[in-house]
């Protein structure tokens, strides 16, 4: 019975510490996910929050240059949440991983503030090169389901990476990128709403096809 009381006390203390030190991440989830009905639900049931809590701990151990333990923490979090974040990755405030299963964030990845990523996203390398070999993600970026951002490239502030896009080159700020490989469309230089639905993202390939069809229609009219 004593052990049970100790376990409950430690568990409640851990929840309190998470509430105090991860308030921005908790509020980001509450703000961006309409399914989040309460802060308690976010604390207990959101693997994206649990993964970032584990990563902050692993990052401290990594900075101390301890062997084994940082990776042990990250791999334990991966087992429990389905989200793999290397202890060496640098992640800003207000980070939100929605659903999260299958997310992989590489060792030299750098992620800015108020970034949202969905399940199946990979921030990876492109080979066995050393040094900075993973992406740098700016502030207020949204990366859609299944997207792959690979190599030592940058995604500019306020940009949106569409679902299943494969991005291999640097993307300027205030842009949308979709397709395989990724194609960029500007969003009139405006900040993209983090709640923007995937279906509302412009597809540059379809825009080109529509443009070709319009030109063909004009040519047919002239030939009559």
N, C-alpha and C. Protein backbone atom coordinates (compact mmCIF):
# COMPACT_ATOMS: atom_id res chain seq x y z
N UNK A 1 0.83 -1.21 0.00
CA UNK A 1 0.00 0.00 0.00
C UNK A 1 0.87 1.27 0.00
N UNK A 2 1.97 1.22 0.77
CA UNK A 2 2.89 2.35 0.81
C UNK A 2 3.46 2.64 -0.57
N UNK A 3 3.82 1.58 -1.28
CA UNK A 3 4.36 1.74 -2.64
C UNK A 3 3.35 2.43 -3.55
N UNK A 4 2.08 2.07 -3.41
CA UNK A 4 1.03 2.66 -4.23
C UNK A 4 0.91 4.16 -3.96
N UNK A 5 0.98 4.53 -2.69
CA UNK A 5 0.90 5.95 -2.33
C UNK A 5 2.09 6.72 -2.90
N UNK A 6 3.26 6.10 -2.82
CA UNK A 6 4.47 6.75 -3.37
C UNK A 6 4.33 6.92 -4.87
N UNK A 7 3.83 5.88 -5.54
CA UNK A 7 3.65 5.95 -7.00
C UNK A 7 2.67 7.06 -7.37
N UNK A 8 1.55 7.14 -6.67
CA UNK A 8 0.56 8.18 -6.95
C UNK A 8 1.14 9.57 -6.72
N UNK A 9 1.91 9.72 -5.64
CA UNK A 9 2.53 11.02 -5.34
C UNK A 9 3.50 11.43 -6.43
N UNK A 10 4.36 10.50 -6.83
CA UNK A 10 5.36 10.80 -7.88
C UNK A 10 4.66 11.12 -9.20
N UNK A 11 3.61 10.37 -9.50
CA UNK A 11 2.87 10.59 -10.75
C UNK A 11 2.22 11.97 -10.76
N UNK A 12 1.58 12.34 -9.68
CA UNK A 12 0.94 13.65 -9.60
C UNK A 12 1.97 14.78 -9.64
N UNK A 13 3.11 14.54 -8.99
CA UNK A 13 4.19 15.54 -9.02
C UNK A 13 4.71 15.72 -10.44
N UNK A 14 4.85 14.60 -11.17
CA UNK A 14 5.32 14.68 -12.56
C UNK A 14 4.33 15.47 -13.42
N UNK A 15 3.04 15.23 -13.24
CA UNK A 15 2.02 15.97 -13.99
C UNK A 15 2.08 17.46 -13.67
N UNK A 16 2.30 17.79 -12.40
CA UNK A 16 2.39 19.19 -12.01
C UNK A 16 3.61 19.87 -12.65
N UNK A 17 4.73 19.17 -12.67
CA UNK A 17 5.94 19.72 -13.28
C UNK A 17 5.76 19.93 -14.78
N UNK A 18 5.10 18.97 -15.43
CA UNK A 18 4.83 19.12 -16.87
C UNK A 18 3.92 20.31 -17.10
N UNK A 19 2.92 20.46 -16.26
CA UNK A 19 2.00 21.59 -16.38
C UNK A 19 2.73 22.92 -16.22
N UNK A 20 3.71 22.96 -15.34
CA UNK A 20 4.44 24.20 -15.08
C UNK A 20 5.46 24.51 -16.18
N UNK A 21 6.21 23.50 -16.61
CA UNK A 21 7.33 23.73 -17.51
C UNK A 21 6.98 23.55 -18.99
N UNK A 22 5.82 22.99 -19.29
CA UNK A 22 5.43 22.76 -20.68
C UNK A 22 4.09 23.43 -20.98
N UNK A 23 3.86 24.55 -20.34
CA UNK A 23 2.60 25.25 -20.51
C UNK A 23 2.38 25.68 -21.97
N UNK A 24 3.44 26.16 -22.63
CA UNK A 24 3.29 26.62 -24.02
C UNK A 24 2.92 25.47 -24.94
N UNK A 25 3.53 24.31 -24.74
CA UNK A 25 3.19 23.15 -25.57
C UNK A 25 1.76 22.69 -25.29
N UNK A 26 1.37 22.70 -24.02
CA UNK A 26 0.00 22.30 -23.67
C UNK A 26 -1.02 23.23 -24.29
N UNK A 27 -0.77 24.54 -24.20
CA UNK A 27 -1.71 25.50 -24.75
C UNK A 27 -1.72 25.45 -26.28
N UNK A 28 -0.57 25.12 -26.88
CA UNK A 28 -0.52 24.96 -28.35
C UNK A 28 -1.43 23.83 -28.79
N UNK A 29 -1.39 22.72 -28.06
CA UNK A 29 -2.27 21.59 -28.39
C UNK A 29 -3.73 21.98 -28.20
N UNK A 30 -4.01 22.62 -27.08
CA UNK A 30 -5.39 23.03 -26.78
C UNK A 30 -5.91 23.99 -27.84
N UNK A 31 -5.05 24.86 -28.35
CA UNK A 31 -5.45 25.87 -29.33
C UNK A 31 -5.62 25.28 -30.72
N UNK A 32 -4.75 24.34 -31.09
CA UNK A 32 -4.70 23.87 -32.48
C UNK A 32 -5.49 22.60 -32.74
N UNK A 33 -5.83 21.87 -31.69
CA UNK A 33 -6.56 20.61 -31.89
C UNK A 33 -7.98 20.74 -31.33
N UNK A 34 -8.99 20.78 -32.19
CA UNK A 34 -10.36 20.91 -31.71
C UNK A 34 -10.83 19.71 -30.89
N UNK A 35 -10.11 18.59 -30.99
CA UNK A 35 -10.49 17.41 -30.23
C UNK A 35 -10.01 17.46 -28.79
N UNK A 36 -9.14 18.42 -28.47
CA UNK A 36 -8.61 18.53 -27.11
C UNK A 36 -9.64 19.23 -26.23
N UNK A 37 -10.35 18.48 -25.43
CA UNK A 37 -11.46 19.04 -24.66
C UNK A 37 -11.04 19.66 -23.33
N UNK A 38 -9.86 19.27 -22.82
CA UNK A 38 -9.42 19.82 -21.54
C UNK A 38 -7.92 19.70 -21.42
N UNK A 39 -7.35 20.49 -20.50
CA UNK A 39 -5.92 20.42 -20.24
C UNK A 39 -5.55 19.06 -19.63
N UNK A 40 -6.41 18.53 -18.79
CA UNK A 40 -6.15 17.21 -18.19
C UNK A 40 -6.05 16.13 -19.27
N UNK A 41 -6.94 16.20 -20.25
CA UNK A 41 -6.89 15.24 -21.36
C UNK A 41 -5.57 15.35 -22.11
N UNK A 42 -5.12 16.59 -22.35
CA UNK A 42 -3.84 16.80 -23.04
C UNK A 42 -2.70 16.22 -22.21
N UNK A 43 -2.70 16.48 -20.92
CA UNK A 43 -1.64 15.98 -20.05
C UNK A 43 -1.54 14.46 -20.06
N UNK A 44 -2.68 13.80 -20.04
CA UNK A 44 -2.69 12.35 -19.86
C UNK A 44 -2.66 11.57 -21.16
N UNK A 45 -3.22 12.11 -22.23
CA UNK A 45 -3.53 11.29 -23.39
C UNK A 45 -2.90 11.72 -24.71
N UNK A 46 -2.05 12.74 -24.71
CA UNK A 46 -1.49 13.21 -25.97
C UNK A 46 -0.03 12.76 -26.11
N UNK A 47 0.24 11.79 -27.00
CA UNK A 47 1.61 11.29 -27.15
C UNK A 47 2.59 12.34 -27.65
N UNK A 48 2.09 13.33 -28.42
CA UNK A 48 2.98 14.39 -28.88
C UNK A 48 3.58 15.17 -27.72
N UNK A 49 2.77 15.44 -26.70
CA UNK A 49 3.27 16.11 -25.51
C UNK A 49 4.25 15.22 -24.75
N UNK A 50 3.90 13.95 -24.59
CA UNK A 50 4.78 13.02 -23.88
C UNK A 50 6.14 12.90 -24.59
N UNK A 51 6.12 12.90 -25.92
CA UNK A 51 7.35 12.78 -26.69
C UNK A 51 8.25 14.01 -26.49
N UNK A 52 7.65 15.21 -26.48
CA UNK A 52 8.46 16.41 -26.32
C UNK A 52 8.99 16.52 -24.90
N UNK A 53 8.22 16.07 -23.91
CA UNK A 53 8.71 16.05 -22.52
C UNK A 53 9.94 15.13 -22.42
N UNK A 54 9.83 13.94 -23.00
CA UNK A 54 10.96 13.01 -22.98
C UNK A 54 12.15 13.60 -23.73
N UNK A 55 11.87 14.30 -24.84
CA UNK A 55 12.98 14.87 -25.60
C UNK A 55 13.72 15.95 -24.81
N UNK A 56 12.98 16.79 -24.07
CA UNK A 56 13.64 17.83 -23.28
C UNK A 56 14.60 17.18 -22.27
N UNK A 57 14.16 16.09 -21.66
CA UNK A 57 15.03 15.39 -20.72
C UNK A 57 16.24 14.80 -21.44
N UNK A 58 16.00 14.13 -22.56
CA UNK A 58 17.10 13.53 -23.33
C UNK A 58 18.08 14.59 -23.82
N UNK A 59 17.56 15.77 -24.16
CA UNK A 59 18.41 16.86 -24.64
C UNK A 59 19.37 17.33 -23.55
N UNK A 60 18.87 17.42 -22.31
CA UNK A 60 19.73 17.80 -21.19
C UNK A 60 20.84 16.77 -21.00
N UNK A 61 20.47 15.49 -21.03
CA UNK A 61 21.47 14.43 -20.88
C UNK A 61 22.47 14.45 -22.03
N UNK A 62 21.97 14.75 -23.24
CA UNK A 62 22.84 14.83 -24.43
C UNK A 62 23.84 15.97 -24.28
N UNK A 63 23.37 17.11 -23.77
CA UNK A 63 24.26 18.27 -23.58
C UNK A 63 25.33 17.98 -22.53
N UNK A 64 25.03 17.11 -21.60
CA UNK A 64 26.00 16.70 -20.58
C UNK A 64 26.99 15.68 -21.12
N UNK A 65 26.79 15.27 -22.39
CA UNK A 65 27.65 14.31 -23.06
C UNK A 65 27.69 12.95 -22.34
N UNK A 66 26.55 12.58 -21.76
CA UNK A 66 26.46 11.28 -21.14
C UNK A 66 26.27 10.20 -22.22
N UNK A 67 26.93 9.09 -22.11
CA UNK A 67 26.71 8.01 -23.08
C UNK A 67 25.43 7.24 -22.77
N UNK A 68 24.87 6.63 -23.75
CA UNK A 68 23.77 5.67 -23.62
C UNK A 68 22.44 6.28 -23.16
N UNK A 69 22.43 7.01 -22.04
CA UNK A 69 21.18 7.42 -21.42
C UNK A 69 20.30 8.34 -22.29
N UNK A 70 20.88 9.32 -23.01
CA UNK A 70 20.01 10.13 -23.86
C UNK A 70 19.26 9.30 -24.91
N UNK A 71 19.96 8.38 -25.55
CA UNK A 71 19.32 7.54 -26.55
C UNK A 71 18.34 6.56 -25.90
N UNK A 72 18.64 6.11 -24.70
CA UNK A 72 17.72 5.23 -23.99
C UNK A 72 16.41 5.94 -23.72
N UNK A 73 16.49 7.21 -23.29
CA UNK A 73 15.27 7.99 -23.05
C UNK A 73 14.49 8.16 -24.35
N UNK A 74 15.18 8.53 -25.43
CA UNK A 74 14.49 8.78 -26.70
C UNK A 74 13.88 7.51 -27.28
N UNK A 75 14.57 6.39 -27.14
CA UNK A 75 14.04 5.13 -27.67
C UNK A 75 12.90 4.60 -26.82
N UNK A 76 12.94 4.84 -25.51
CA UNK A 76 11.81 4.48 -24.66
C UNK A 76 10.58 5.30 -25.04
N UNK A 77 10.80 6.61 -25.28
CA UNK A 77 9.69 7.46 -25.72
C UNK A 77 9.15 6.99 -27.07
N UNK A 78 10.04 6.57 -27.95
CA UNK A 78 9.61 6.04 -29.25
C UNK A 78 8.73 4.81 -29.07
N UNK A 79 9.12 3.92 -28.18
CA UNK A 79 8.34 2.71 -27.92
C UNK A 79 6.95 3.04 -27.38
N UNK A 80 6.88 4.06 -26.53
CA UNK A 80 5.62 4.40 -25.87
C UNK A 80 4.71 5.28 -26.73
N UNK A 81 5.30 6.09 -27.61
CA UNK A 81 4.50 7.08 -28.36
C UNK A 81 4.49 6.89 -29.87
N UNK A 82 5.44 6.12 -30.40
CA UNK A 82 5.55 6.00 -31.85
C UNK A 82 6.24 7.17 -32.49
N UNK A 83 6.83 8.06 -31.68
CA UNK A 83 7.50 9.28 -32.16
C UNK A 83 8.98 9.18 -31.82
N UNK A 84 9.84 9.30 -32.82
CA UNK A 84 11.29 9.19 -32.59
C UNK A 84 11.93 10.56 -32.78
N UNK A 85 12.46 11.12 -31.70
CA UNK A 85 13.17 12.40 -31.75
C UNK A 85 14.58 12.16 -31.23
N UNK A 86 15.57 12.40 -32.05
CA UNK A 86 16.95 12.21 -31.61
C UNK A 86 17.28 13.23 -30.52
N UNK A 87 18.03 12.83 -29.48
CA UNK A 87 18.36 13.77 -28.41
C UNK A 87 19.12 15.01 -28.87
N UNK A 88 19.80 14.90 -30.00
CA UNK A 88 20.57 16.04 -30.50
C UNK A 88 19.73 17.10 -31.19
N UNK A 89 18.49 16.80 -31.53
CA UNK A 89 17.63 17.77 -32.23
C UNK A 89 17.33 18.96 -31.32
N UNK A 90 17.20 20.13 -31.95
CA UNK A 90 16.88 21.36 -31.22
C UNK A 90 15.46 21.79 -31.58
N UNK A 91 14.60 21.93 -30.58
CA UNK A 91 13.18 22.21 -30.81
C UNK A 91 12.75 23.41 -29.99
N UNK A 92 12.08 24.36 -30.64
CA UNK A 92 11.63 25.58 -29.99
C UNK A 92 10.37 25.39 -29.17
N UNK A 93 9.79 26.51 -28.74
CA UNK A 93 8.61 26.48 -27.88
C UNK A 93 7.33 26.32 -28.71
N UNK A 94 6.28 25.87 -28.04
CA UNK A 94 4.98 25.76 -28.69
C UNK A 94 4.92 24.69 -29.76
N UNK A 95 5.76 23.66 -29.65
CA UNK A 95 5.82 22.59 -30.65
C UNK A 95 4.64 21.63 -30.46
N UNK A 96 3.97 21.28 -31.55
CA UNK A 96 2.80 20.40 -31.49
C UNK A 96 2.92 19.30 -32.52
N UNK A 97 2.95 18.05 -32.06
CA UNK A 97 2.90 16.89 -32.94
C UNK A 97 1.50 16.31 -32.83
N UNK A 98 0.71 16.42 -33.90
CA UNK A 98 -0.66 15.94 -33.88
C UNK A 98 -0.70 14.46 -34.27
N UNK A 99 -1.34 13.65 -33.47
CA UNK A 99 -1.40 12.18 -33.63
C UNK A 99 -0.01 11.58 -33.40
N UNK A 100 0.92 11.82 -34.32
CA UNK A 100 2.32 11.56 -34.03
C UNK A 100 2.89 10.25 -34.51
N UNK A 101 2.10 9.22 -34.69
CA UNK A 101 2.66 7.91 -35.03
C UNK A 101 3.52 8.00 -36.29
N UNK A 102 4.75 7.46 -36.20
CA UNK A 102 5.63 7.42 -37.35
C UNK A 102 6.45 8.67 -37.57
N UNK A 103 6.40 9.64 -36.68
CA UNK A 103 7.22 10.85 -36.82
C UNK A 103 8.67 10.53 -36.49
N UNK A 104 9.60 11.02 -37.33
CA UNK A 104 11.04 10.84 -37.10
C UNK A 104 11.72 12.20 -37.26
N UNK A 105 12.47 12.61 -36.25
CA UNK A 105 13.20 13.88 -36.27
C UNK A 105 14.67 13.58 -36.03
N UNK A 106 15.51 13.88 -37.01
CA UNK A 106 16.92 13.50 -36.98
C UNK A 106 17.78 14.35 -36.06
N UNK A 107 19.00 13.88 -35.88
CA UNK A 107 19.92 14.43 -34.87
C UNK A 107 20.20 15.91 -35.01
N UNK A 108 20.46 16.40 -36.21
CA UNK A 108 20.85 17.81 -36.39
C UNK A 108 19.68 18.68 -36.85
N UNK A 109 18.47 18.18 -36.71
CA UNK A 109 17.30 18.99 -37.04
C UNK A 109 17.18 20.17 -36.07
N UNK A 110 16.76 21.31 -36.62
CA UNK A 110 16.47 22.49 -35.79
C UNK A 110 15.07 22.95 -36.12
N UNK A 111 14.23 23.07 -35.10
CA UNK A 111 12.83 23.43 -35.28
C UNK A 111 12.55 24.70 -34.50
N UNK A 112 11.92 25.68 -35.16
CA UNK A 112 11.63 26.96 -34.53
C UNK A 112 10.44 26.91 -33.59
N UNK A 113 9.89 28.07 -33.31
CA UNK A 113 8.77 28.19 -32.37
C UNK A 113 7.43 28.00 -33.08
N UNK A 114 6.47 27.46 -32.35
CA UNK A 114 5.07 27.33 -32.81
C UNK A 114 4.95 26.53 -34.10
N UNK A 115 5.69 25.45 -34.18
CA UNK A 115 5.66 24.55 -35.35
C UNK A 115 4.67 23.42 -35.08
N UNK A 116 3.93 23.04 -36.12
CA UNK A 116 2.98 21.93 -36.03
C UNK A 116 3.35 20.88 -37.08
N UNK A 117 3.46 19.63 -36.67
CA UNK A 117 3.67 18.56 -37.64
C UNK A 117 2.66 17.44 -37.36
N UNK A 118 2.33 16.71 -38.42
CA UNK A 118 1.34 15.64 -38.33
C UNK A 118 2.02 14.27 -38.43
N UNK A 119 1.21 13.23 -38.33
CA UNK A 119 1.75 11.87 -38.30
C UNK A 119 2.50 11.53 -39.58
N UNK A 120 3.50 10.67 -39.42
CA UNK A 120 4.25 10.18 -40.58
C UNK A 120 5.27 11.14 -41.14
N UNK A 121 5.53 12.24 -40.49
CA UNK A 121 6.50 13.23 -40.98
C UNK A 121 7.92 12.77 -40.66
N UNK A 122 8.82 12.97 -41.62
CA UNK A 122 10.24 12.69 -41.40
C UNK A 122 11.06 13.93 -41.66
N UNK A 123 11.87 14.31 -40.70
CA UNK A 123 12.91 15.32 -40.89
C UNK A 123 14.22 14.57 -40.88
N UNK A 124 14.69 14.20 -42.07
CA UNK A 124 15.81 13.25 -42.16
C UNK A 124 16.97 13.75 -42.97
N UNK A 125 17.99 12.90 -43.05
CA UNK A 125 19.16 13.18 -43.87
C UNK A 125 19.03 12.50 -45.22
N UNK A 126 20.06 12.69 -46.04
CA UNK A 126 20.04 12.12 -47.38
C UNK A 126 21.20 11.15 -47.63
N UNK A 127 22.00 10.90 -46.64
CA UNK A 127 23.13 10.00 -46.82
C UNK A 127 23.92 9.86 -45.54
N UNK A 128 25.22 9.56 -45.69
CA UNK A 128 26.07 9.34 -44.53
C UNK A 128 26.98 10.52 -44.26
N UNK A 129 26.59 11.71 -44.76
CA UNK A 129 27.42 12.88 -44.51
C UNK A 129 27.42 13.22 -43.03
N UNK A 130 28.45 13.93 -42.60
CA UNK A 130 28.57 14.33 -41.20
C UNK A 130 28.24 15.81 -41.06
N UNK A 131 28.22 16.29 -39.81
CA UNK A 131 27.89 17.69 -39.58
C UNK A 131 26.40 17.93 -39.69
N UNK A 132 26.03 19.13 -40.07
CA UNK A 132 24.61 19.49 -40.21
C UNK A 132 24.05 18.77 -41.43
N UNK A 133 23.16 17.84 -41.20
CA UNK A 133 22.67 17.01 -42.31
C UNK A 133 21.15 16.85 -42.29
N UNK A 134 20.49 17.56 -41.37
CA UNK A 134 19.03 17.50 -41.26
C UNK A 134 18.45 18.90 -41.42
N UNK A 135 17.15 19.00 -41.63
CA UNK A 135 16.54 20.30 -41.96
C UNK A 135 16.51 21.29 -40.80
N UNK A 136 16.38 22.56 -41.19
CA UNK A 136 16.10 23.64 -40.26
C UNK A 136 14.70 24.16 -40.58
N UNK A 137 13.81 24.10 -39.61
CA UNK A 137 12.42 24.50 -39.79
C UNK A 137 12.19 25.83 -39.08
N UNK A 138 11.65 26.82 -39.79
CA UNK A 138 11.43 28.14 -39.23
C UNK A 138 10.25 28.19 -38.28
N UNK A 139 9.92 29.40 -37.85
CA UNK A 139 8.80 29.59 -36.93
C UNK A 139 7.46 29.48 -37.66
N UNK A 140 6.43 29.05 -36.94
CA UNK A 140 5.05 29.03 -37.44
C UNK A 140 4.87 28.18 -38.70
N UNK A 141 5.65 27.13 -38.81
CA UNK A 141 5.58 26.23 -39.97
C UNK A 141 4.62 25.09 -39.66
N UNK A 142 3.87 24.65 -40.68
CA UNK A 142 3.01 23.47 -40.58
C UNK A 142 3.50 22.44 -41.59
N UNK A 143 3.72 21.21 -41.13
CA UNK A 143 4.18 20.13 -42.01
C UNK A 143 3.11 19.04 -42.00
N UNK A 144 2.50 18.81 -43.16
CA UNK A 144 1.35 17.93 -43.27
C UNK A 144 1.69 16.46 -43.18
N UNK A 145 0.65 15.66 -43.08
CA UNK A 145 0.75 14.21 -42.90
C UNK A 145 1.64 13.55 -43.95
N UNK A 146 2.59 12.75 -43.49
CA UNK A 146 3.40 11.95 -44.39
C UNK A 146 4.48 12.71 -45.14
N UNK A 147 4.66 13.99 -44.88
CA UNK A 147 5.66 14.77 -45.61
C UNK A 147 7.07 14.36 -45.20
N UNK A 148 8.01 14.48 -46.15
CA UNK A 148 9.41 14.17 -45.91
C UNK A 148 10.23 15.41 -46.25
N UNK A 149 10.97 15.91 -45.28
CA UNK A 149 11.86 17.05 -45.48
C UNK A 149 13.27 16.53 -45.23
N UNK A 150 14.10 16.51 -46.28
CA UNK A 150 15.35 15.75 -46.22
C UNK A 150 16.56 16.60 -46.55
N UNK A 151 17.61 16.44 -45.76
CA UNK A 151 18.88 17.10 -46.02
C UNK A 151 19.05 18.39 -45.25
N UNK A 152 20.21 19.00 -45.44
CA UNK A 152 20.55 20.26 -44.78
C UNK A 152 19.92 21.41 -45.55
N UNK A 153 18.61 21.53 -45.41
CA UNK A 153 17.84 22.57 -46.09
C UNK A 153 17.02 23.34 -45.06
N UNK A 154 16.41 24.44 -45.51
CA UNK A 154 15.62 25.26 -44.60
C UNK A 154 14.20 25.41 -45.12
N UNK A 155 13.26 25.41 -44.20
CA UNK A 155 11.87 25.76 -44.50
C UNK A 155 11.60 27.10 -43.83
N UNK A 156 11.29 28.13 -44.63
CA UNK A 156 11.15 29.48 -44.12
C UNK A 156 9.97 29.66 -43.19
N UNK A 157 10.01 30.73 -42.43
CA UNK A 157 8.93 31.04 -41.49
C UNK A 157 7.57 31.08 -42.17
N UNK A 158 6.55 30.69 -41.44
CA UNK A 158 5.15 30.82 -41.88
C UNK A 158 4.82 30.01 -43.13
N UNK A 159 5.56 28.93 -43.35
CA UNK A 159 5.34 28.11 -44.54
C UNK A 159 4.53 26.87 -44.22
N UNK A 160 3.98 26.26 -45.28
CA UNK A 160 3.16 25.05 -45.15
C UNK A 160 3.70 24.00 -46.10
N UNK A 161 4.03 22.83 -45.55
CA UNK A 161 4.44 21.68 -46.36
C UNK A 161 3.25 20.74 -46.45
N UNK A 162 2.74 20.53 -47.66
CA UNK A 162 1.53 19.75 -47.86
C UNK A 162 1.73 18.27 -47.56
N UNK A 163 0.62 17.57 -47.37
CA UNK A 163 0.64 16.15 -47.06
C UNK A 163 1.38 15.37 -48.14
N UNK A 164 2.28 14.48 -47.71
CA UNK A 164 3.04 13.56 -48.57
C UNK A 164 4.03 14.25 -49.49
N UNK A 165 4.28 15.53 -49.30
CA UNK A 165 5.30 16.21 -50.09
C UNK A 165 6.68 15.67 -49.73
N UNK A 166 7.59 15.70 -50.71
CA UNK A 166 8.99 15.34 -50.47
C UNK A 166 9.81 16.58 -50.81
N UNK A 167 10.39 17.19 -49.79
CA UNK A 167 11.09 18.47 -49.95
C UNK A 167 12.59 18.22 -49.87
N UNK A 168 13.30 18.61 -50.94
CA UNK A 168 14.74 18.37 -51.03
C UNK A 168 15.54 19.66 -51.18
N UNK A 169 14.85 20.79 -51.28
CA UNK A 169 15.52 22.08 -51.47
C UNK A 169 14.95 23.11 -50.50
N UNK A 170 15.73 24.14 -50.23
CA UNK A 170 15.30 25.19 -49.32
C UNK A 170 14.04 25.88 -49.83
N UNK A 171 13.12 26.16 -48.90
CA UNK A 171 11.85 26.79 -49.21
C UNK A 171 11.81 28.18 -48.58
N UNK A 172 11.48 29.22 -49.34
CA UNK A 172 11.44 30.57 -48.76
C UNK A 172 10.28 30.74 -47.79
N UNK A 173 10.33 31.81 -47.04
CA UNK A 173 9.27 32.09 -46.06
C UNK A 173 7.94 32.34 -46.76
N UNK A 174 6.85 32.13 -46.04
CA UNK A 174 5.50 32.41 -46.52
C UNK A 174 5.14 31.63 -47.78
N UNK A 175 5.57 30.39 -47.85
CA UNK A 175 5.34 29.57 -49.03
C UNK A 175 4.56 28.31 -48.68
N UNK A 176 3.94 27.75 -49.72
CA UNK A 176 3.35 26.42 -49.62
C UNK A 176 4.10 25.51 -50.58
N UNK A 177 4.44 24.32 -50.14
CA UNK A 177 5.13 23.37 -51.01
C UNK A 177 4.36 22.06 -50.99
N UNK A 178 4.08 21.52 -52.18
CA UNK A 178 3.38 20.24 -52.30
C UNK A 178 4.03 19.43 -53.41
N UNK A 179 3.73 18.13 -53.44
CA UNK A 179 4.15 17.28 -54.55
C UNK A 179 5.43 16.52 -54.28
N UNK A 180 5.78 15.64 -55.26
CA UNK A 180 6.99 14.82 -55.21
C UNK A 180 7.72 14.96 -56.54
N UNK A 181 8.88 15.63 -56.60
CA UNK A 181 9.46 16.41 -55.51
C UNK A 181 8.64 17.67 -55.24
N UNK A 182 8.90 18.34 -54.14
CA UNK A 182 8.09 19.47 -53.73
C UNK A 182 8.13 20.64 -54.71
N UNK A 183 6.96 21.23 -55.00
CA UNK A 183 6.84 22.44 -55.81
C UNK A 183 6.27 23.54 -54.93
N UNK A 184 6.72 24.75 -55.14
CA UNK A 184 6.36 25.86 -54.26
C UNK A 184 5.28 26.72 -54.90
N UNK A 185 4.31 27.11 -54.09
CA UNK A 185 3.40 28.20 -54.47
C UNK A 185 3.41 29.22 -53.36
N UNK A 186 3.46 30.49 -53.73
CA UNK A 186 3.41 31.56 -52.75
C UNK A 186 1.99 31.75 -52.25
N UNK A 187 1.87 32.19 -51.01
CA UNK A 187 0.57 32.50 -50.44
C UNK A 187 0.44 34.00 -50.23
N UNK A 188 0.81 34.76 -51.25
CA UNK A 188 0.68 36.23 -51.23
C UNK A 188 1.43 36.87 -50.09
N UNK A 189 2.52 36.20 -49.65
CA UNK A 189 3.32 36.77 -48.58
C UNK A 189 2.63 36.82 -47.24
N UNK A 190 1.52 36.09 -47.07
CA UNK A 190 0.78 36.14 -45.82
C UNK A 190 1.10 34.93 -44.95
N UNK A 191 1.01 35.15 -43.65
CA UNK A 191 1.20 34.05 -42.71
C UNK A 191 0.08 33.03 -42.89
N UNK A 192 0.45 31.77 -42.91
CA UNK A 192 -0.52 30.71 -43.12
C UNK A 192 -1.14 30.31 -41.78
N UNK A 193 -2.44 30.17 -41.76
CA UNK A 193 -3.16 29.77 -40.56
C UNK A 193 -2.78 28.34 -40.19
N UNK A 194 -2.33 28.13 -38.95
CA UNK A 194 -1.92 26.79 -38.52
C UNK A 194 -3.07 25.81 -38.52
N UNK A 195 -4.30 26.30 -38.58
CA UNK A 195 -5.46 25.40 -38.59
C UNK A 195 -5.95 25.14 -40.01
N UNK A 196 -5.20 25.61 -41.00
CA UNK A 196 -5.63 25.49 -42.39
C UNK A 196 -5.79 24.02 -42.77
N UNK A 197 -6.90 23.70 -43.41
CA UNK A 197 -7.16 22.32 -43.82
C UNK A 197 -6.29 21.95 -45.00
N UNK A 198 -5.87 20.67 -45.05
CA UNK A 198 -5.02 20.21 -46.16
C UNK A 198 -5.68 20.45 -47.51
N UNK A 199 -6.98 20.30 -47.56
CA UNK A 199 -7.69 20.41 -48.83
C UNK A 199 -7.66 21.83 -49.40
N UNK A 200 -7.33 22.81 -48.57
CA UNK A 200 -7.31 24.19 -49.04
C UNK A 200 -5.96 24.59 -49.64
N UNK A 201 -4.97 23.70 -49.59
CA UNK A 201 -3.65 24.04 -50.06
C UNK A 201 -3.60 23.99 -51.59
N UNK A 202 -3.04 25.02 -52.17
CA UNK A 202 -2.93 25.08 -53.62
C UNK A 202 -1.92 24.06 -54.12
N UNK A 203 -2.26 23.40 -55.21
CA UNK A 203 -1.37 22.42 -55.84
C UNK A 203 -0.80 23.05 -57.10
N UNK A 204 0.51 23.34 -57.15
CA UNK A 204 1.08 24.00 -58.32
C UNK A 204 0.99 23.17 -59.59
N UNK A 205 1.03 21.85 -59.46
CA UNK A 205 0.91 20.99 -60.64
C UNK A 205 -0.48 21.15 -61.26
N UNK A 206 -1.51 21.09 -60.42
CA UNK A 206 -2.86 21.27 -60.93
C UNK A 206 -3.06 22.68 -61.48
N UNK A 207 -2.41 23.66 -60.88
CA UNK A 207 -2.49 25.02 -61.42
C UNK A 207 -1.90 25.08 -62.82
N UNK A 208 -0.77 24.39 -63.03
CA UNK A 208 -0.15 24.36 -64.36
C UNK A 208 -1.07 23.66 -65.36
N UNK A 209 -1.67 22.55 -64.94
CA UNK A 209 -2.58 21.83 -65.84
C UNK A 209 -3.77 22.71 -66.20
N UNK A 210 -4.34 23.41 -65.21
CA UNK A 210 -5.46 24.31 -65.48
C UNK A 210 -5.06 25.40 -66.45
N UNK A 211 -3.84 25.90 -66.30
CA UNK A 211 -3.35 26.95 -67.21
C UNK A 211 -3.22 26.42 -68.63
N UNK A 212 -2.71 25.19 -68.78
CA UNK A 212 -2.58 24.59 -70.10
C UNK A 212 -3.95 24.39 -70.74
N UNK A 213 -4.90 23.91 -69.94
CA UNK A 213 -6.25 23.70 -70.47
C UNK A 213 -6.88 25.01 -70.93
N UNK A 214 -6.65 26.07 -70.18
CA UNK A 214 -7.19 27.38 -70.58
C UNK A 214 -6.57 27.84 -71.89
N UNK A 215 -5.28 27.62 -72.05
CA UNK A 215 -4.61 28.02 -73.30
C UNK A 215 -5.12 27.20 -74.49
N UNK A 216 -5.32 25.88 -74.26
CA UNK A 216 -5.86 25.06 -75.33
C UNK A 216 -7.26 25.53 -75.74
N UNK A 217 -8.06 25.87 -74.74
CA UNK A 217 -9.41 26.36 -75.02
C UNK A 217 -9.36 27.66 -75.83
N UNK A 218 -8.41 28.54 -75.49
CA UNK A 218 -8.26 29.80 -76.25
C UNK A 218 -7.84 29.52 -77.68
N UNK A 219 -6.91 28.56 -77.86
CA UNK A 219 -6.45 28.23 -79.21
C UNK A 219 -7.58 27.64 -80.05
N UNK A 220 -8.41 26.79 -79.41
CA UNK A 220 -9.55 26.20 -80.15
C UNK A 220 -10.53 27.29 -80.57
N UNK A 221 -10.76 28.25 -79.71
CA UNK A 221 -11.68 29.34 -80.06
C UNK A 221 -11.13 30.16 -81.22
N UNK A 222 -9.81 30.39 -81.25
CA UNK A 222 -9.21 31.18 -82.32
C UNK A 222 -9.24 30.43 -83.65
N UNK A 223 -9.20 29.06 -83.55
CA UNK A 223 -9.16 28.28 -84.78
C UNK A 223 -10.51 28.10 -85.43
N UNK A 224 -11.59 28.51 -84.74
CA UNK A 224 -12.92 28.34 -85.31
C UNK A 224 -13.24 29.42 -86.32
